[in-house]
Amino acid sequence: MTTAFIFQIAILIMSVVIHEVSHGYMANYLGDPTAKLEGRLTLNPLKHLDLVGSFIVPVIAYFTGGFIFGWAKPVPYNPYNLRPGRWPEALVALAGPASNLILAVVFGLFLRFSLVHGVGNAGFAEITMMIVLVNLVLTVFNLVPLPPLDGSKLLFALFPERMYKMRHFFERYGFVLVLLFIFYGWGFVSPIVGGLFTLITGLPLS
């Protein structure tokens, strides 16, 4: 098992943990303490790791495609405890991708200015680039408007009430749609991730 894989899996785990904790904090802020009561508002990875999403999928992704991808156990929340309206659920969903985007921007700008001023070495740059890349992938992928991804909650918040049956259909078959997207739609994600990576770091994504 290579050093690169170990660093990538560590970055992925902490990134997905922060993603899920952000969901929980936003839900708690908007009136639902479910995640807090279940001890999920913690950065302790052991509270969030999922056997399939945090280990099996990342290993398969790395040794077949050379890049880490995965997820953590979703933080539980009760939408009926949130403040009234259709937007609180969307805000809870968006908190996860927003946290990954913030991490990508902070580390990306740090890398950009470090390179300008000659700070750090090749190893530092490689790890920082990986943090930016992993978090951009998590951001863009989770904003795809397919259940159970976070972007679907934003889409549903925009739906008029009379289209609830459509939401039910998407949620029922969402996992299948996500799998199809991973196999056939990943080409739409890659250019967006590459463009954001270059915009933030000033470096091409090779």
Protein backbone atom coordinates (compact mmCIF):
# COMPACT_ATOMS: atom_id res chain seq x y z
CA MET A 1 0.00 0.00 0.00
CA THR A 2 1.63 3.22 -1.17
CA THR A 3 2.26 6.38 0.81
CA ALA A 4 0.15 8.31 -1.70
CA PHE A 5 -2.83 6.05 -0.97
CA ILE A 6 -2.46 6.52 2.79
CA PHE A 7 -2.38 10.31 2.43
CA GLN A 8 -5.35 10.29 0.07
CA ILE A 9 -7.49 8.08 2.32
CA ALA A 10 -6.64 10.27 5.34
CA ILE A 11 -7.60 13.43 3.41
CA LEU A 12 -10.82 11.83 2.18
CA ILE A 13 -11.84 10.66 5.66
CA MET A 14 -11.33 14.04 7.29
CA SER A 15 -13.05 15.82 4.39
CA VAL A 16 -16.17 13.64 4.50
CA VAL A 17 -16.26 13.87 8.30
CA ILE A 18 -16.23 17.68 8.11
CA HIS A 19 -18.92 17.45 5.42
CA GLU A 20 -21.24 15.39 7.64
CA VAL A 21 -20.56 17.39 10.81
CA SER A 22 -21.49 20.55 8.89
CA HIS A 23 -24.85 19.00 8.05
CA GLY A 24 -25.38 18.26 11.72
CA TYR A 25 -24.42 21.71 12.96
CA MET A 26 -26.70 23.39 10.43
CA ALA A 27 -29.60 21.12 11.40
CA ASN A 28 -28.97 21.85 15.08
CA TYR A 29 -28.87 25.59 14.35
CA LEU A 30 -32.18 25.34 12.51
CA GLY A 31 -33.93 23.52 15.33
CA ASP A 32 -33.18 19.79 15.03
CA PRO A 33 -30.84 18.36 17.71
CA THR A 34 -30.91 14.77 16.36
CA ALA A 35 -27.25 14.71 15.33
CA LYS A 36 -26.20 16.30 18.62
CA LEU A 37 -28.20 13.79 20.67
CA GLU A 38 -26.63 10.90 18.77
CA GLY A 39 -23.09 12.20 19.33
CA ARG A 40 -22.44 13.01 15.68
CA LEU A 41 -21.33 16.63 16.15
CA THR A 42 -17.73 15.52 16.55
CA LEU A 43 -14.68 15.33 14.29
CA ASN A 44 -13.85 11.89 15.66
CA PRO A 45 -13.77 9.77 12.47
CA LEU A 46 -14.89 6.64 14.32
CA LYS A 47 -18.34 8.20 14.75
CA HIS A 48 -18.77 8.74 11.02
CA LEU A 49 -16.94 6.04 9.06
CA ASP A 50 -18.90 3.76 6.75
CA LEU A 51 -17.41 0.39 5.81
CA VAL A 52 -18.43 0.62 2.16
CA GLY A 53 -18.14 4.36 1.52
CA SER A 54 -15.08 5.07 3.66
CA PHE A 55 -12.99 1.98 2.91
CA ILE A 56 -14.16 -0.40 0.18
CA VAL A 57 -15.15 2.20 -2.44
CA PRO A 58 -12.01 4.36 -1.91
CA VAL A 59 -9.75 1.30 -2.27
CA ILE A 60 -11.49 0.19 -5.47
CA ALA A 61 -11.48 3.75 -6.85
CA TYR A 62 -7.78 4.22 -6.13
CA PHE A 63 -6.57 0.95 -7.63
CA THR A 64 -8.82 1.16 -10.69
CA GLY A 65 -8.74 4.87 -11.43
CA GLY A 66 -5.83 6.18 -9.37
CA PHE A 67 -8.00 8.59 -7.38
CA ILE A 68 -9.80 8.38 -4.05
CA PHE A 69 -13.56 8.79 -3.80
CA GLY A 70 -16.02 7.87 -1.04
CA TRP A 71 -18.37 9.02 1.69
CA ALA A 72 -19.17 8.77 5.41
CA LYS A 73 -22.34 7.70 7.23
CA PRO A 74 -24.97 10.40 6.71
CA VAL A 75 -25.64 12.50 9.80
CA PRO A 76 -29.24 11.88 10.88
CA TYR A 77 -31.70 14.73 11.09
CA ASN A 78 -35.46 15.08 11.39
CA PRO A 79 -36.84 17.58 8.86
CA TYR A 80 -40.01 17.96 10.96
CA ASN A 81 -37.93 19.54 13.74
CA LEU A 82 -36.50 22.22 11.46
CA ARG A 83 -37.87 25.73 11.23
CA PRO A 84 -40.99 26.01 9.05
CA GLY A 85 -40.61 26.42 5.32
CA ARG A 86 -39.03 24.53 2.46
CA TRP A 87 -35.59 26.16 2.68
CA PRO A 88 -34.25 24.86 6.04
CA GLU A 89 -33.88 21.34 4.64
CA ALA A 90 -32.04 22.74 1.64
CA LEU A 91 -29.72 24.74 3.92
CA VAL A 92 -28.91 21.61 5.92
CA ALA A 93 -28.04 19.83 2.68
CA LEU A 94 -25.94 22.67 1.31
CA ALA A 95 -23.90 22.96 4.50
CA GLY A 96 -21.92 19.84 3.56
CA PRO A 97 -20.75 20.90 0.08
CA ALA A 98 -20.18 24.44 1.39
CA SER A 99 -17.76 23.12 4.01
CA ASN A 100 -15.80 21.23 1.33
CA LEU A 101 -15.72 24.29 -0.92
CA ILE A 102 -14.39 26.41 1.95
CA LEU A 103 -11.65 23.86 2.64
CA ALA A 104 -10.73 23.80 -1.06
CA VAL A 105 -10.56 27.60 -1.28
CA VAL A 106 -8.56 28.03 1.94
CA PHE A 107 -5.95 25.38 1.10
CA GLY A 108 -5.94 26.36 -2.58
CA LEU A 109 -5.18 30.00 -1.86
CA PHE A 110 -2.61 28.97 0.74
CA LEU A 111 -0.92 26.82 -1.91
CA ARG A 112 -1.11 29.59 -4.49
CA PHE A 113 0.56 32.20 -2.29
CA SER A 114 3.06 29.70 -0.90
CA LEU A 115 4.28 28.94 -4.40
CA VAL A 116 4.50 32.65 -5.23
CA HIS A 117 6.70 33.28 -2.18
CA GLY A 118 8.70 30.07 -2.48
CA VAL A 119 7.41 28.54 0.75
CA GLY A 120 7.21 24.77 1.16
CA ASN A 121 8.53 21.88 -0.92
CA ALA A 122 7.24 19.39 -3.46
CA GLY A 123 5.77 17.11 -0.81
CA PHE A 124 3.89 19.99 0.82
CA ALA A 125 2.55 21.11 -2.55
CA GLU A 126 1.40 17.59 -3.47
CA ILE A 127 -0.52 17.08 -0.22
CA THR A 128 -2.12 20.52 -0.41
CA MET A 129 -3.14 19.94 -4.02
CA MET A 130 -4.75 16.66 -2.99
CA ILE A 131 -6.73 18.39 -0.22
CA VAL A 132 -8.02 20.92 -2.74
CA LEU A 133 -8.84 18.27 -5.36
CA VAL A 134 -10.64 15.88 -2.98
CA ASN A 135 -12.77 18.67 -1.56
CA LEU A 136 -13.65 20.06 -4.98
CA VAL A 137 -14.77 16.61 -6.12
CA LEU A 138 -16.92 16.26 -2.99
CA THR A 139 -18.37 19.73 -3.55
CA VAL A 140 -19.29 19.29 -7.20
CA PHE A 141 -20.46 15.69 -6.95
CA ASN A 142 -22.70 16.33 -3.94
CA LEU A 143 -24.33 19.28 -5.71
CA VAL A 144 -25.56 17.03 -8.52
CA PRO A 145 -29.38 17.27 -8.18
CA LEU A 146 -30.04 13.54 -7.77
CA PRO A 147 -31.25 11.93 -4.52
CA PRO A 148 -29.74 11.16 -2.11
CA LEU A 149 -27.09 13.77 -3.03
CA ASP A 150 -27.29 17.18 -1.39
CA GLY A 151 -28.07 19.01 -4.61
CA SER A 152 -31.43 17.25 -4.80
CA LYS A 153 -32.62 19.04 -1.64
CA LEU A 154 -31.96 22.39 -3.30
CA LEU A 155 -33.84 21.23 -6.38
CA PHE A 156 -36.78 20.06 -4.29
CA ALA A 157 -36.88 23.39 -2.45
CA LEU A 158 -37.46 25.02 -5.82
CA PHE A 159 -40.23 22.59 -6.79
CA PRO A 160 -43.82 23.79 -6.34
CA GLU A 161 -45.90 21.69 -3.96
CA ARG A 162 -47.90 20.11 -6.81
CA MET A 163 -44.71 18.41 -8.04
CA TYR A 164 -44.28 16.42 -4.82
CA LYS A 165 -45.02 13.17 -6.68
CA MET A 166 -42.00 13.85 -8.89
CA ARG A 167 -39.85 14.22 -5.77
CA HIS A 168 -41.17 10.88 -4.50
CA PHE A 169 -40.18 9.24 -7.80
CA PHE A 170 -36.67 10.68 -7.76
CA GLU A 171 -36.13 9.68 -4.13
CA ARG A 172 -37.38 6.16 -4.80
CA TYR A 173 -35.02 5.56 -7.72
CA GLY A 174 -32.34 8.08 -6.80
CA PHE A 175 -29.64 5.60 -5.86
CA VAL A 176 -29.89 3.91 -9.25
CA LEU A 177 -29.71 7.30 -10.96
CA VAL A 178 -26.61 8.21 -8.95
CA LEU A 179 -24.90 4.95 -9.96
CA LEU A 180 -25.72 5.64 -13.60
CA PHE A 181 -24.33 9.15 -13.22
CA ILE A 182 -21.09 7.85 -11.70
CA PHE A 183 -20.57 5.46 -14.64
CA TYR A 184 -21.81 7.64 -17.49
CA GLY A 185 -21.91 11.24 -16.27
CA TRP A 186 -18.55 11.65 -14.57
CA GLY A 187 -17.27 13.42 -17.67
CA PHE A 188 -19.48 16.38 -16.72
CA VAL A 189 -17.90 16.61 -13.25
CA SER A 190 -14.25 16.46 -14.29
CA PRO A 191 -14.13 19.69 -16.34
CA ILE A 192 -15.89 21.63 -13.58
CA VAL A 193 -13.49 20.31 -10.95
CA GLY A 194 -10.51 21.08 -13.20
CA GLY A 195 -11.71 24.61 -13.90
CA LEU A 196 -12.29 25.37 -10.22
CA PHE A 197 -8.92 23.85 -9.30
CA THR A 198 -7.09 26.10 -11.75
CA LEU A 199 -9.15 29.15 -10.73
CA ILE A 200 -8.29 28.70 -7.05
CA THR A 201 -4.69 27.48 -7.20
CA GLY A 202 -3.53 28.98 -10.49
CA LEU A 203 -2.22 25.53 -11.46
CA PRO A 204 -3.40 23.23 -14.24
CA LEU A 205 -4.95 19.95 -13.15
CA SER A 206 -2.80 17.41 -14.94
